[in-house]
N, C-alpha and C. Protein backbone atom coordinates (compact mmCIF):
# COMPACT_ATOMS: atom_id res chain seq x y z
N UNK A 1 101.98 100.75 98.95
CA UNK A 1 102.81 101.37 97.88
C UNK A 1 101.66 102.63 97.99
N UNK A 2 103.05 103.65 97.35
CA UNK A 2 102.25 105.00 97.81
C UNK A 2 101.49 105.79 96.24
N UNK A 3 100.57 105.81 96.51
CA UNK A 3 99.87 106.62 95.28
C UNK A 3 100.00 108.20 94.64
N UNK A 4 99.54 108.51 93.71
CA UNK A 4 99.78 109.95 92.96
C UNK A 4 98.47 110.36 94.11
N UNK A 5 98.75 111.72 94.26
CA UNK A 5 97.75 112.32 95.09
C UNK A 5 96.50 112.64 93.70
N UNK A 6 95.46 112.31 93.84
CA UNK A 6 94.16 111.96 92.70
C UNK A 6 93.09 112.80 93.76
N UNK A 7 92.11 113.16 92.22
CA UNK A 7 90.51 113.33 92.59
C UNK A 7 89.83 112.50 92.01
N UNK A 8 89.34 111.22 92.76
CA UNK A 8 88.32 110.68 92.16
C UNK A 8 87.44 111.51 91.39
N UNK A 9 86.83 111.33 90.11
CA UNK A 9 85.90 111.71 89.45
C UNK A 9 84.52 111.01 88.76
N UNK A 10 83.37 111.13 89.82
CA UNK A 10 82.39 109.97 89.62
C UNK A 10 81.36 110.72 88.50
N UNK A 11 80.66 109.69 87.99
CA UNK A 11 79.63 109.94 86.86
C UNK A 11 78.15 110.57 87.98
N UNK A 12 77.73 112.11 87.38
CA UNK A 12 76.85 112.44 88.59
C UNK A 12 75.65 112.22 88.51
N UNK A 13 75.83 110.99 87.87
CA UNK A 13 73.80 110.07 87.91
C UNK A 13 74.29 109.34 89.40
N UNK A 14 75.10 108.71 89.86
CA UNK A 14 75.31 108.45 90.74
C UNK A 14 74.71 108.78 92.16
N UNK A 15 74.78 110.26 92.13
CA UNK A 15 74.59 110.53 93.36
C UNK A 15 73.57 112.11 92.84
N UNK A 16 72.31 112.14 93.67
CA UNK A 16 71.70 113.53 94.02
C UNK A 16 72.49 115.03 94.26
N UNK A 17 73.11 114.89 94.95
CA UNK A 17 74.24 115.18 95.59
C UNK A 17 75.73 114.64 95.47
N UNK A 18 76.64 115.71 94.97
CA UNK A 18 77.85 114.97 95.34
C UNK A 18 78.36 114.87 96.61
N UNK A 19 78.67 114.04 97.19
CA UNK A 19 79.20 113.39 98.66
C UNK A 19 80.61 114.13 99.05
N UNK A 20 81.54 114.19 97.71
CA UNK A 20 82.67 115.38 97.95
C UNK A 20 82.56 116.26 97.73
N UNK A 21 81.57 116.78 97.79
CA UNK A 21 81.28 118.58 98.02
C UNK A 21 81.31 119.33 99.40
N UNK A 22 80.94 118.37 100.49
CA UNK A 22 80.74 118.95 101.65
C UNK A 22 80.92 117.55 102.81
N UNK A 23 81.26 118.28 103.87
CA UNK A 23 81.76 117.62 104.83
C UNK A 23 80.86 116.56 105.47
N UNK A 24 79.57 116.71 105.55
CA UNK A 24 78.52 115.88 105.63
C UNK A 24 78.50 114.74 104.65
N UNK A 25 78.51 114.72 103.55
CA UNK A 25 78.75 114.05 102.48
C UNK A 25 79.59 112.82 102.80
N UNK A 26 81.51 113.49 102.76
CA UNK A 26 82.01 112.79 103.13
C UNK A 26 81.81 111.68 104.39
N UNK A 27 81.28 112.46 105.18
CA UNK A 27 81.01 111.57 106.43
C UNK A 27 79.66 110.51 106.17
N UNK A 28 79.01 110.63 105.27
CA UNK A 28 77.72 109.77 105.27
C UNK A 28 79.19 108.84 104.36
N UNK A 29 79.97 108.78 103.23
CA UNK A 29 80.96 107.84 102.28
C UNK A 29 81.52 107.20 103.52
N UNK A 30 82.20 107.59 104.62
CA UNK A 30 83.02 107.12 105.44
C UNK A 30 82.34 106.15 106.12
N UNK A 31 81.67 107.21 107.09
CA UNK A 31 80.73 105.82 107.59
C UNK A 31 79.57 104.92 107.38
N UNK A 32 79.30 105.02 105.85
CA UNK A 32 78.22 104.02 105.46
C UNK A 32 79.22 102.83 105.07
N UNK A 33 80.92 102.84 104.43
CA UNK A 33 81.52 101.77 104.70
C UNK A 33 82.06 100.89 105.69
N UNK A 34 81.90 102.08 106.90
CA UNK A 34 82.12 101.45 108.19
C UNK A 34 80.92 100.09 108.40
N UNK A 35 79.67 100.82 108.16
CA UNK A 35 79.07 100.30 108.34
C UNK A 35 78.13 99.01 107.76
N UNK A 36 78.59 99.15 106.41
CA UNK A 36 78.25 98.11 105.84
C UNK A 36 79.16 96.78 105.98
N UNK A 37 80.54 97.58 106.41
CA UNK A 37 81.32 96.33 106.68
C UNK A 37 81.39 95.67 107.89
N UNK A 38 80.60 96.45 109.02
CA UNK A 38 80.34 95.82 109.92
C UNK A 38 79.13 94.54 109.75
N UNK A 39 77.50 95.60 109.25
CA UNK A 39 76.46 94.87 109.85
C UNK A 39 76.06 93.76 108.21
N UNK A 40 76.61 94.08 107.30
CA UNK A 40 76.82 93.89 105.70
C UNK A 40 75.46 94.51 105.09
N UNK A 41 75.02 94.60 104.08
CA UNK A 41 74.81 94.97 103.24
C UNK A 41 73.10 95.28 103.05
N UNK A 42 72.59 94.05 103.91
CA UNK A 42 71.25 93.59 103.47
C UNK A 42 70.82 94.42 105.26
N UNK A 43 71.63 94.56 106.21
CA UNK A 43 70.82 95.14 107.08
C UNK A 43 71.10 96.75 107.55
N UNK A 44 71.63 97.14 106.11
CA UNK A 44 72.17 98.62 106.35
C UNK A 44 71.19 99.28 105.87
N UNK A 45 70.81 100.49 106.06
CA UNK A 45 70.07 101.17 106.54
C UNK A 45 70.07 102.80 106.51
N UNK A 46 69.33 103.83 105.99
CA UNK A 46 70.07 105.14 106.34
C UNK A 46 69.97 105.45 107.38
N UNK A 47 68.66 104.87 108.07
CA UNK A 47 68.16 105.02 109.38
C UNK A 47 69.46 104.33 110.10
N UNK A 48 69.86 103.69 110.21
CA UNK A 48 71.24 103.37 110.74
C UNK A 48 71.93 104.33 110.78
N UNK A 49 72.65 104.53 109.49
CA UNK A 49 73.61 105.27 109.28
C UNK A 49 73.55 106.41 110.12
N UNK A 50 72.13 107.24 109.87
CA UNK A 50 71.92 108.26 110.13
C UNK A 50 72.33 108.65 112.03
N UNK A 51 72.15 107.22 112.33
CA UNK A 51 72.01 107.42 114.17
C UNK A 51 73.86 107.47 114.29
N UNK A 52 74.71 106.58 113.09
CA UNK A 52 76.02 106.77 113.47
C UNK A 52 76.54 108.00 113.08
N UNK A 53 76.02 109.18 112.02
CA UNK A 53 76.60 110.17 112.04
C UNK A 53 75.78 111.64 112.27
N UNK A 54 74.99 111.18 113.48
CA UNK A 54 74.21 111.85 113.88
C UNK A 54 73.55 112.83 113.17
N UNK A 55 73.01 112.26 112.33
CA UNK A 55 72.38 113.21 111.61
C UNK A 55 70.83 113.11 110.77
N UNK A 56 70.16 113.65 110.83
CA UNK A 56 68.81 113.14 110.31
C UNK A 56 68.80 112.01 109.13
N UNK A 57 67.56 111.06 109.07
CA UNK A 57 68.12 109.93 107.89
C UNK A 57 67.73 111.11 106.51
N UNK A 58 66.61 112.19 106.83
CA UNK A 58 66.57 112.53 105.67
C UNK A 58 67.39 113.55 104.57
N UNK A 59 68.44 113.44 105.89
CA UNK A 59 69.92 114.62 105.35
C UNK A 59 70.77 113.56 104.38
N UNK A 60 70.71 112.13 104.50
CA UNK A 60 71.29 111.00 103.75
C UNK A 60 70.27 111.20 102.49
N UNK A 61 68.99 111.10 102.43
CA UNK A 61 68.49 111.17 101.25
C UNK A 61 68.56 112.27 99.96
N UNK A 62 69.39 113.18 100.64
CA UNK A 62 69.63 114.49 100.04
C UNK A 62 70.78 114.38 98.40
N UNK A 63 71.63 113.00 99.21
CA UNK A 63 73.00 112.96 98.58
C UNK A 63 72.31 111.82 98.01
N UNK A 64 71.92 110.55 98.47
CA UNK A 64 71.49 109.10 97.59
C UNK A 64 69.79 108.56 97.70
N UNK A 65 69.37 108.41 96.41
CA UNK A 65 68.05 108.10 96.50
C UNK A 65 67.77 106.91 97.41
N UNK A 66 68.40 106.29 97.49
CA UNK A 66 68.11 104.86 98.25
C UNK A 66 69.49 104.41 98.49
N UNK A 67 69.28 102.83 99.67
CA UNK A 67 70.91 102.52 99.18
C UNK A 67 71.12 101.82 98.42
N UNK A 68 70.66 101.46 97.33
CA UNK A 68 71.22 100.78 96.11
C UNK A 68 72.13 101.58 95.73
N UNK A 69 71.50 102.88 95.53
CA UNK A 69 72.53 104.09 94.95
C UNK A 69 73.51 104.28 95.20
N UNK A 70 73.56 104.42 96.68
CA UNK A 70 74.76 104.47 97.63
C UNK A 70 75.64 103.20 97.01
N UNK A 71 75.48 101.80 97.14
CA UNK A 71 76.66 100.80 96.86
C UNK A 71 76.56 101.02 95.47
N UNK A 72 76.15 101.18 94.21
CA UNK A 72 76.23 101.74 93.02
C UNK A 72 77.62 103.07 93.30
N UNK A 73 77.67 103.76 93.94
CA UNK A 73 78.73 104.67 93.68
C UNK A 73 79.92 104.42 94.73
N UNK A 74 79.60 103.70 95.96
CA UNK A 74 80.80 102.80 96.21
C UNK A 74 81.69 102.21 95.39
N UNK A 75 81.03 101.43 94.61
CA UNK A 75 81.44 100.33 93.96
C UNK A 75 82.45 100.79 92.85
N UNK A 76 81.38 102.27 92.10
CA UNK A 76 82.46 102.65 90.99
C UNK A 76 83.29 104.15 91.61
N UNK A 77 83.54 104.32 93.01
CA UNK A 77 84.38 104.98 94.06
C UNK A 77 85.48 104.17 93.44
N UNK A 78 85.43 102.81 93.91
CA UNK A 78 86.73 101.52 94.14
C UNK A 78 86.93 101.44 93.03
N UNK A 79 86.41 101.27 91.79
CA UNK A 79 87.21 101.14 90.65
C UNK A 79 87.89 102.15 90.24
N UNK A 80 87.13 103.07 90.09
CA UNK A 80 88.13 104.06 89.75
C UNK A 80 89.20 104.72 90.00
N UNK A 81 89.22 104.13 91.51
CA UNK A 81 90.42 104.07 92.72
C UNK A 81 91.58 103.47 91.75
N UNK A 82 90.96 101.91 91.51
CA UNK A 82 91.66 100.74 91.36
C UNK A 82 92.40 101.05 89.81
N UNK A 83 91.77 101.94 88.97
CA UNK A 83 91.89 102.43 87.51
C UNK A 83 93.22 103.30 87.88
N UNK A 84 93.07 104.32 89.02
CA UNK A 84 94.04 105.30 89.25
C UNK A 84 95.44 104.31 89.67
N UNK A 85 95.33 103.22 90.30
CA UNK A 85 96.63 103.03 91.29
C UNK A 85 96.98 101.58 89.40
N UNK A 86 96.54 101.82 89.06
CA UNK A 86 96.80 100.53 87.50
C UNK A 86 97.49 101.47 86.97
N UNK A 87 97.40 102.87 86.62
CA UNK A 87 97.88 104.23 86.04
C UNK A 87 99.42 104.13 86.58
N UNK A 88 98.91 103.74 87.62
CA UNK A 88 100.37 104.66 88.82
C UNK A 88 101.51 103.40 88.58
N UNK A 89 100.98 101.49 88.58
CA UNK A 89 102.13 100.56 88.18
C UNK A 89 102.39 100.66 87.30
N UNK A 90 101.80 100.75 86.21
CA UNK A 90 102.62 100.56 84.76
C UNK A 90 103.28 101.17 84.08
N UNK A 91 102.85 102.66 84.29
CA UNK A 91 103.47 103.83 83.85
C UNK A 91 104.83 103.87 83.68
N UNK A 92 105.55 104.12 82.27
CA UNK A 92 106.92 103.90 81.91
C UNK A 92 107.36 102.60 82.56
N UNK A 93 106.58 101.21 82.17
CA UNK A 93 107.20 99.79 82.29
C UNK A 93 107.29 99.38 80.57
N UNK A 94 108.36 99.02 80.42
CA UNK A 94 108.24 98.81 78.57
C UNK A 94 107.77 97.51 78.56
N UNK A 95 107.88 96.37 79.41
CA UNK A 95 107.03 95.27 78.97
C UNK A 95 105.87 95.18 79.22
N UNK A 96 105.08 94.54 78.28
CA UNK A 96 103.65 94.03 78.95
C UNK A 96 103.70 93.14 79.42
N UNK A 97 104.26 92.38 79.73
CA UNK A 97 104.79 90.84 80.46
C UNK A 97 104.91 91.60 82.12
N UNK A 98 105.56 92.45 81.70
CA UNK A 98 105.60 92.89 83.27
C UNK A 98 104.72 93.95 84.11
N UNK A 99 104.17 94.74 83.10
CA UNK A 99 102.80 95.41 83.11
C UNK A 99 101.61 94.39 83.71
N UNK A 100 101.34 93.27 82.94
CA UNK A 100 100.35 92.39 83.05
C UNK A 100 100.53 91.65 84.77
N UNK A 101 101.74 91.21 84.83
CA UNK A 101 102.17 90.88 86.20
C UNK A 101 101.50 91.70 87.09
N UNK A 102 102.10 92.95 87.38
CA UNK A 102 101.69 94.19 87.88
C UNK A 102 100.24 94.48 88.39
N UNK A 103 99.48 94.37 86.78
CA UNK A 103 98.11 94.71 87.08
C UNK A 103 97.36 93.06 87.92
N UNK A 104 97.64 92.35 87.14
CA UNK A 104 97.37 90.93 88.08
C UNK A 104 97.76 91.39 89.64
N UNK A 105 98.73 91.38 90.34
CA UNK A 105 99.40 91.71 91.77
C UNK A 105 98.51 92.56 92.18
N UNK A 106 97.83 94.00 91.56
CA UNK A 106 97.10 94.71 92.08
C UNK A 106 95.53 94.40 92.03
N UNK A 107 95.02 93.70 90.79
CA UNK A 107 94.16 93.28 91.34
C UNK A 107 93.37 91.86 91.99
N UNK A 108 94.94 91.35 92.58
CA UNK A 108 94.15 89.88 93.15
C UNK A 108 94.70 90.16 94.68
N UNK A 109 95.53 90.80 95.17
CA UNK A 109 96.14 91.25 96.67
C UNK A 109 95.47 91.93 97.19
N UNK A 110 95.75 91.69 98.30
CA UNK A 110 94.76 92.40 99.78
C UNK A 110 95.56 93.88 99.44
N UNK A 111 94.11 95.00 99.23
CA UNK A 111 94.32 96.26 98.97
C UNK A 111 94.88 97.05 100.33
N UNK A 112 96.18 97.69 100.10
CA UNK A 112 96.60 98.77 100.87
C UNK A 112 95.51 100.11 101.12
N UNK A 113 95.39 100.42 102.58
CA UNK A 113 94.83 101.82 102.38
C UNK A 113 95.74 103.09 101.69
N UNK A 114 94.97 103.96 101.02
CA UNK A 114 95.49 105.37 100.56
C UNK A 114 95.41 106.31 101.56
N UNK A 115 96.94 106.97 101.70
CA UNK A 115 96.16 107.69 102.81
C UNK A 115 96.49 108.81 102.38
N UNK A 116 96.23 109.41 101.01
CA UNK A 116 96.06 110.28 100.20
C UNK A 116 94.54 110.64 100.39
N UNK A 117 93.35 109.84 100.40
CA UNK A 117 92.25 109.92 100.22
C UNK A 117 91.50 109.75 101.61
N UNK A 118 91.66 110.62 102.68
CA UNK A 118 91.25 110.43 104.28
C UNK A 118 89.83 109.75 104.60
N UNK A 119 88.95 110.19 103.57
CA UNK A 119 87.49 109.86 104.52
C UNK A 119 87.04 108.80 103.79
N UNK A 120 87.90 107.88 102.95
CA UNK A 120 87.52 106.55 102.37
C UNK A 120 88.70 105.61 103.08
N UNK A 121 88.37 104.52 103.76
CA UNK A 121 89.14 103.19 103.80
C UNK A 121 88.91 102.57 103.05
N UNK A 122 89.99 102.12 102.14
CA UNK A 122 89.63 101.71 100.82
C UNK A 122 89.89 100.27 101.04
N UNK A 123 90.70 99.73 102.45
CA UNK A 123 90.56 98.25 103.00
C UNK A 123 89.40 97.58 103.24
N UNK A 124 88.78 98.65 103.80
CA UNK A 124 87.02 98.04 104.17
C UNK A 124 86.64 98.20 102.80
N UNK A 125 86.79 99.09 102.20
CA UNK A 125 85.80 99.12 101.14
C UNK A 125 86.10 98.15 99.99
N UNK A 126 87.09 97.67 99.99
CA UNK A 126 87.52 96.28 99.38
C UNK A 126 86.43 95.42 99.50
N UNK A 127 86.48 95.10 100.72
CA UNK A 127 86.13 93.96 101.90
C UNK A 127 84.53 94.01 101.21
N UNK A 128 83.93 95.41 101.06
CA UNK A 128 82.58 95.12 100.23
C UNK A 128 82.09 95.21 99.05
N UNK A 129 83.55 95.30 98.35
CA UNK A 129 83.40 95.12 97.16
C UNK A 129 83.53 93.11 96.65
N UNK A 130 84.37 92.65 97.32
CA UNK A 130 84.04 91.46 97.30
C UNK A 130 83.05 90.61 97.71
N UNK A 131 82.83 91.11 98.37
CA UNK A 131 81.05 90.46 99.34
C UNK A 131 79.64 90.91 98.95
N UNK A 132 79.92 92.45 98.39
CA UNK A 132 78.79 93.10 98.36
C UNK A 132 78.43 93.53 97.09
N UNK A 133 79.56 93.65 96.27
CA UNK A 133 78.98 94.59 95.03
C UNK A 133 78.18 93.87 94.12
N UNK A 134 78.54 92.65 93.97
CA UNK A 134 77.54 91.38 93.61
C UNK A 134 75.92 92.40 93.24
N UNK A 135 75.75 92.75 94.32
CA UNK A 135 74.30 92.98 94.53
C UNK A 135 74.06 94.15 93.41
N UNK A 136 74.96 94.96 93.36
CA UNK A 136 74.92 96.20 92.45
C UNK A 136 74.22 95.92 91.00
N UNK A 137 74.95 94.66 90.41
CA UNK A 137 74.58 94.34 89.12
C UNK A 137 73.79 93.44 88.53
N UNK A 138 73.43 92.49 89.93
CA UNK A 138 72.59 91.48 89.64
C UNK A 138 70.92 91.76 89.94
N UNK A 139 70.13 92.94 88.94
CA UNK A 139 69.06 93.43 89.44
C UNK A 139 68.78 93.49 88.41
N UNK A 140 67.05 93.46 88.42
CA UNK A 140 66.56 93.53 86.88
C UNK A 140 66.47 95.30 86.09
N UNK A 141 67.23 96.07 87.16
CA UNK A 141 67.66 97.49 86.56
C UNK A 141 68.94 97.66 85.62
N UNK A 142 69.60 96.29 85.72
CA UNK A 142 71.32 96.31 85.19
C UNK A 142 71.17 96.54 83.76
N UNK A 143 70.69 96.92 83.07
CA UNK A 143 70.65 97.07 81.66
C UNK A 143 70.75 98.92 81.92
N UNK A 144 69.49 99.11 82.03
CA UNK A 144 68.75 100.71 82.31
C UNK A 144 70.21 101.46 83.21
N UNK A 145 70.80 100.82 84.39
CA UNK A 145 71.73 101.44 84.39
C UNK A 145 72.91 101.29 84.16
N UNK A 146 73.43 100.57 83.36
CA UNK A 146 74.21 99.98 82.58
C UNK A 146 74.54 101.62 81.18
N UNK A 147 73.19 101.62 80.59
CA UNK A 147 72.83 102.42 79.71
C UNK A 147 73.60 104.22 80.29
N UNK A 148 72.95 104.13 81.56
CA UNK A 148 73.69 105.53 82.35
C UNK A 148 74.71 105.54 82.46
N UNK A 149 75.81 104.57 82.27
CA UNK A 149 77.17 104.53 82.46
C UNK A 149 77.06 104.00 83.92
N UNK A 150 76.59 103.36 84.81
CA UNK A 150 76.87 103.38 85.94
C UNK A 150 77.94 101.88 86.39
N UNK A 151 78.44 101.19 85.51
CA UNK A 151 79.62 100.34 85.50
C UNK A 151 80.78 100.74 84.66
N UNK A 152 80.65 101.86 84.67
CA UNK A 152 82.21 102.21 83.47
C UNK A 152 83.33 102.37 83.76
N UNK A 153 83.60 102.66 85.39
CA UNK A 153 84.66 102.18 86.17
C UNK A 153 85.06 100.98 86.20
N UNK A 154 84.00 99.93 86.33
CA UNK A 154 84.86 98.47 86.42
C UNK A 154 85.11 98.35 84.95
N UNK A 155 84.66 98.76 83.87
CA UNK A 155 84.40 98.13 82.49
C UNK A 155 85.81 98.55 82.06
N UNK A 156 86.31 100.24 82.86
CA UNK A 156 87.60 100.33 82.07
C UNK A 156 88.78 99.74 82.59
N UNK A 157 88.59 99.16 83.92
CA UNK A 157 89.63 98.13 84.41
C UNK A 157 89.83 97.25 84.11
N UNK A 158 88.83 96.56 83.65
CA UNK A 158 88.84 95.28 82.39
C UNK A 158 89.52 95.93 81.24
N UNK A 159 88.88 96.82 80.70
CA UNK A 159 89.33 97.35 79.20
C UNK A 159 91.05 97.82 79.48
N UNK A 160 91.30 98.32 80.14
CA UNK A 160 93.10 98.51 80.70
C UNK A 160 93.91 96.98 80.70
N UNK A 161 93.20 96.32 81.19
CA UNK A 161 94.16 95.43 81.69
C UNK A 161 94.33 94.51 80.15
N UNK A 162 92.63 93.93 79.56
CA UNK A 162 92.96 93.39 78.71
C UNK A 162 93.77 94.13 76.98
N UNK A 163 93.82 95.15 76.98
CA UNK A 163 94.99 96.00 76.42
C UNK A 163 96.02 95.27 76.73
N UNK A 164 96.57 95.33 77.61
CA UNK A 164 98.43 94.74 77.58
C UNK A 164 97.85 93.22 77.31
N UNK A 165 96.85 92.48 77.58
CA UNK A 165 96.86 91.09 77.34
C UNK A 165 97.05 90.87 75.56
N UNK A 166 96.28 91.98 75.05
CA UNK A 166 96.36 92.11 73.21
C UNK A 166 97.75 92.54 72.68
N UNK A 167 98.63 92.97 73.66
CA UNK A 167 100.02 93.50 73.22
C UNK A 167 101.15 92.26 73.05
N UNK A 168 100.74 91.54 74.18
CA UNK A 168 101.38 90.32 73.88
C UNK A 168 100.84 89.45 73.18
N UNK A 169 99.45 89.31 72.85
CA UNK A 169 98.97 88.34 71.91
C UNK A 169 97.69 88.88 70.98
N UNK A 170 98.26 89.60 69.89
CA UNK A 170 96.99 90.64 69.53
C UNK A 170 95.76 89.42 68.99
N UNK A 171 96.01 88.45 68.68
CA UNK A 171 95.01 87.30 68.12
C UNK A 171 94.41 86.42 68.95
N UNK A 172 94.75 86.93 70.44
CA UNK A 172 94.09 86.68 71.74
C UNK A 172 92.41 86.76 71.67
N UNK A 173 91.46 85.84 71.73
CA UNK A 173 90.03 86.05 71.52
C UNK A 173 89.61 86.60 72.55
N UNK A 174 90.03 85.85 73.92
CA UNK A 174 89.15 86.32 74.80
C UNK A 174 89.38 87.26 75.98
N UNK A 175 90.36 88.17 75.79
CA UNK A 175 91.16 89.39 76.91
C UNK A 175 89.86 89.48 77.85
N UNK A 176 88.57 90.00 77.53
CA UNK A 176 87.99 90.85 78.65
C UNK A 176 87.45 89.49 79.56
N UNK A 177 86.63 88.33 78.90
CA UNK A 177 86.70 86.93 79.70
C UNK A 177 87.72 86.77 80.76
N UNK A 178 88.96 86.79 79.97
CA UNK A 178 90.11 86.67 80.81
C UNK A 178 90.29 87.55 81.71
N UNK A 179 90.66 88.47 81.81
CA UNK A 179 90.58 89.58 82.96
C UNK A 179 89.05 90.18 84.13
N UNK A 180 87.90 89.63 83.35
CA UNK A 180 86.69 89.71 84.44
C UNK A 180 87.01 88.25 85.33
N UNK A 181 87.34 87.35 84.70
CA UNK A 181 87.73 86.22 85.30
C UNK A 181 88.87 86.21 86.71
N UNK A 182 89.17 86.67 86.11
CA UNK A 182 90.55 87.15 87.02
C UNK A 182 90.18 87.64 88.64
N UNK A 183 89.29 89.25 88.01
CA UNK A 183 89.25 89.64 89.13
C UNK A 183 87.80 88.74 89.48
N UNK A 184 86.84 88.34 89.39
CA UNK A 184 85.78 88.18 89.75
C UNK A 184 86.14 86.91 90.44
N UNK A 185 87.03 85.71 90.23
CA UNK A 185 87.64 84.46 90.81
C UNK A 185 88.16 84.82 92.05
N UNK A 186 89.12 86.17 91.61
CA UNK A 186 90.23 86.48 92.97
C UNK A 186 89.21 86.54 93.82
N UNK A 187 87.90 87.36 94.02
CA UNK A 187 86.90 87.80 94.81
C UNK A 187 86.23 86.46 95.77
N UNK A 188 85.94 85.60 94.89
CA UNK A 188 85.38 84.78 95.16
C UNK A 188 86.33 83.69 95.93
N UNK A 189 87.51 83.48 95.18
CA UNK A 189 88.07 82.83 96.43
C UNK A 189 88.97 83.43 97.66
N UNK A 190 88.49 84.63 97.89
CA UNK A 190 88.96 85.28 99.11
C UNK A 190 87.89 84.79 100.02
N UNK A 191 86.75 84.89 99.31
CA UNK A 191 85.70 84.86 100.11
C UNK A 191 85.46 83.24 100.46
N UNK A 192 85.66 82.71 99.72
CA UNK A 192 85.27 80.61 100.06
C UNK A 192 86.77 80.63 101.04
N UNK A 193 87.40 81.58 100.90
CA UNK A 193 89.00 81.13 101.98
C UNK A 193 88.51 81.69 103.60
N UNK A 194 87.88 82.49 103.35
CA UNK A 194 87.10 83.02 104.75
C UNK A 194 85.87 82.22 105.39
N UNK A 195 84.92 81.65 104.14
CA UNK A 195 83.90 81.26 104.85
C UNK A 195 83.50 80.22 104.10
N UNK A 196 84.16 79.56 103.01
CA UNK A 196 83.53 78.15 102.54
C UNK A 196 84.95 77.52 102.14
N UNK A 197 85.44 77.10 102.75
CA UNK A 197 87.03 76.74 102.80
C UNK A 197 86.58 75.65 101.95
N UNK A 198 85.80 74.54 101.74
CA UNK A 198 85.87 73.13 100.79
C UNK A 198 85.72 73.80 99.63
N UNK A 199 84.94 75.17 99.20
CA UNK A 199 85.27 75.34 97.89
C UNK A 199 86.49 76.00 97.41
N UNK A 200 87.78 75.83 97.82
CA UNK A 200 89.35 76.58 97.65
C UNK A 200 90.21 75.68 97.96
N UNK A 201 91.51 75.59 97.35
CA UNK A 201 92.23 75.22 97.74
C UNK A 201 93.30 76.36 98.01
N UNK A 202 93.28 76.96 98.78
CA UNK A 202 93.53 78.49 99.32
C UNK A 202 94.19 77.97 100.33
N UNK A 203 95.90 77.94 100.41
CA UNK A 203 96.49 77.72 101.57
C UNK A 203 96.87 78.77 102.60
N UNK A 204 97.84 78.71 103.40
CA UNK A 204 98.65 80.00 104.15
C UNK A 204 99.77 80.16 103.10
N UNK A 205 99.82 79.63 102.07
CA UNK A 205 100.74 80.13 101.17
C UNK A 205 100.77 81.16 100.84
N UNK A 206 101.65 82.00 100.83
CA UNK A 206 101.75 83.63 100.63
C UNK A 206 101.35 83.86 99.45
N UNK A 207 100.40 84.71 98.65
CA UNK A 207 100.39 85.46 97.80
C UNK A 207 99.63 84.12 97.21
N UNK A 208 98.64 83.03 97.20
CA UNK A 208 98.44 82.44 96.72
C UNK A 208 97.41 81.90 95.37
N UNK A 209 96.41 83.60 95.91
CA UNK A 209 95.27 83.96 94.93
C UNK A 209 96.25 84.27 93.68
N UNK A 210 97.04 85.20 94.13
CA UNK A 210 97.57 85.74 92.83
C UNK A 210 98.30 85.05 91.93
N UNK A 211 99.04 84.34 92.76
CA UNK A 211 100.45 83.16 91.95
C UNK A 211 99.28 82.59 91.02
N UNK A 212 98.17 82.15 91.79
CA UNK A 212 97.21 81.07 90.88
C UNK A 212 96.80 81.61 89.54
N UNK A 213 95.88 82.83 89.97
CA UNK A 213 95.56 83.78 88.78
C UNK A 213 97.09 84.24 87.87
N UNK A 214 98.19 84.45 88.18
CA UNK A 214 98.96 84.79 87.50
C UNK A 214 99.31 83.56 86.76
N UNK A 215 99.59 82.37 87.08
CA UNK A 215 99.50 81.12 86.18
C UNK A 215 98.23 81.08 85.44
N UNK A 216 97.43 80.93 85.49
CA UNK A 216 95.82 80.83 84.91
C UNK A 216 96.49 81.82 83.50
N UNK A 217 96.39 82.94 84.06
CA UNK A 217 96.43 84.20 82.56
C UNK A 217 97.63 83.76 81.86
N UNK A 218 99.11 83.31 82.28
CA UNK A 218 99.86 83.22 81.45
C UNK A 218 100.19 82.10 80.33
N UNK A 219 99.23 81.15 81.20
CA UNK A 219 99.12 79.94 80.62
C UNK A 219 98.26 79.88 79.26
N UNK A 220 97.46 81.27 78.76
CA UNK A 220 97.34 81.37 77.97
C UNK A 220 97.61 82.47 76.58
N UNK A 221 98.96 82.55 77.37
CA UNK A 221 99.76 83.40 76.31
C UNK A 221 101.16 83.05 75.79
N UNK A 222 101.52 83.39 75.03
CA UNK A 222 103.29 82.89 74.19
C UNK A 222 103.80 83.31 75.81
N UNK A 223 104.87 82.51 75.64
CA UNK A 223 106.51 82.66 76.71
C UNK A 223 107.01 84.15 76.38
N UNK A 224 107.33 84.98 77.13
CA UNK A 224 108.06 86.23 76.96
C UNK A 224 109.31 85.67 76.40
N UNK A 225 110.20 86.10 75.55
CA UNK A 225 111.30 85.69 74.73
C UNK A 225 112.20 86.63 75.40
N UNK A 226 113.41 85.75 75.68
CA UNK A 226 114.53 85.92 76.65
C UNK A 226 115.56 86.33 76.11
């Protein structure tokens, strides 16, 4: 899927210096994604990242206070980018049923790299979101960080798709719960498929995760009139 040329706008409280404002900052983002993907967030440190980018560890701290802040930035970037993709695939689509199917497809199928943004590998970043992003908000400081708007991008994605659900059934009581369950569930099922197969029923069938969550969502909603 080819996306529109976009400029990802980020909450300025997520960083000390905007990484998109310099070549070094963009390199920090690019290589941190690769390094976290390769060694995991627990093993990731700014010292290791500095060695990869051939820059002092102190230079990374000019952009982010710590690696938790960096993870929040990467997570917010991913969901902001995802929201742009949602807008792209649903614009000028009249039927809310079709828009909802397209949205579920986007949220549950493997990510395709967006060549419009060269310093971010969205495929690797999506893998980090699947396996590591929960560490961004399962913390003691989640309420304080939520007040600062660190999770707005994710909440906007859920809200946007929930509104489509309400177009189909204005009386449905649990639109946000339904869509957040789809997103988080799809992430868990993908992780289980790769590591804990006894916890899932995913087979070699193509798009089985997408098919499962599409059926789950539409089982709650009235059938489309033909």
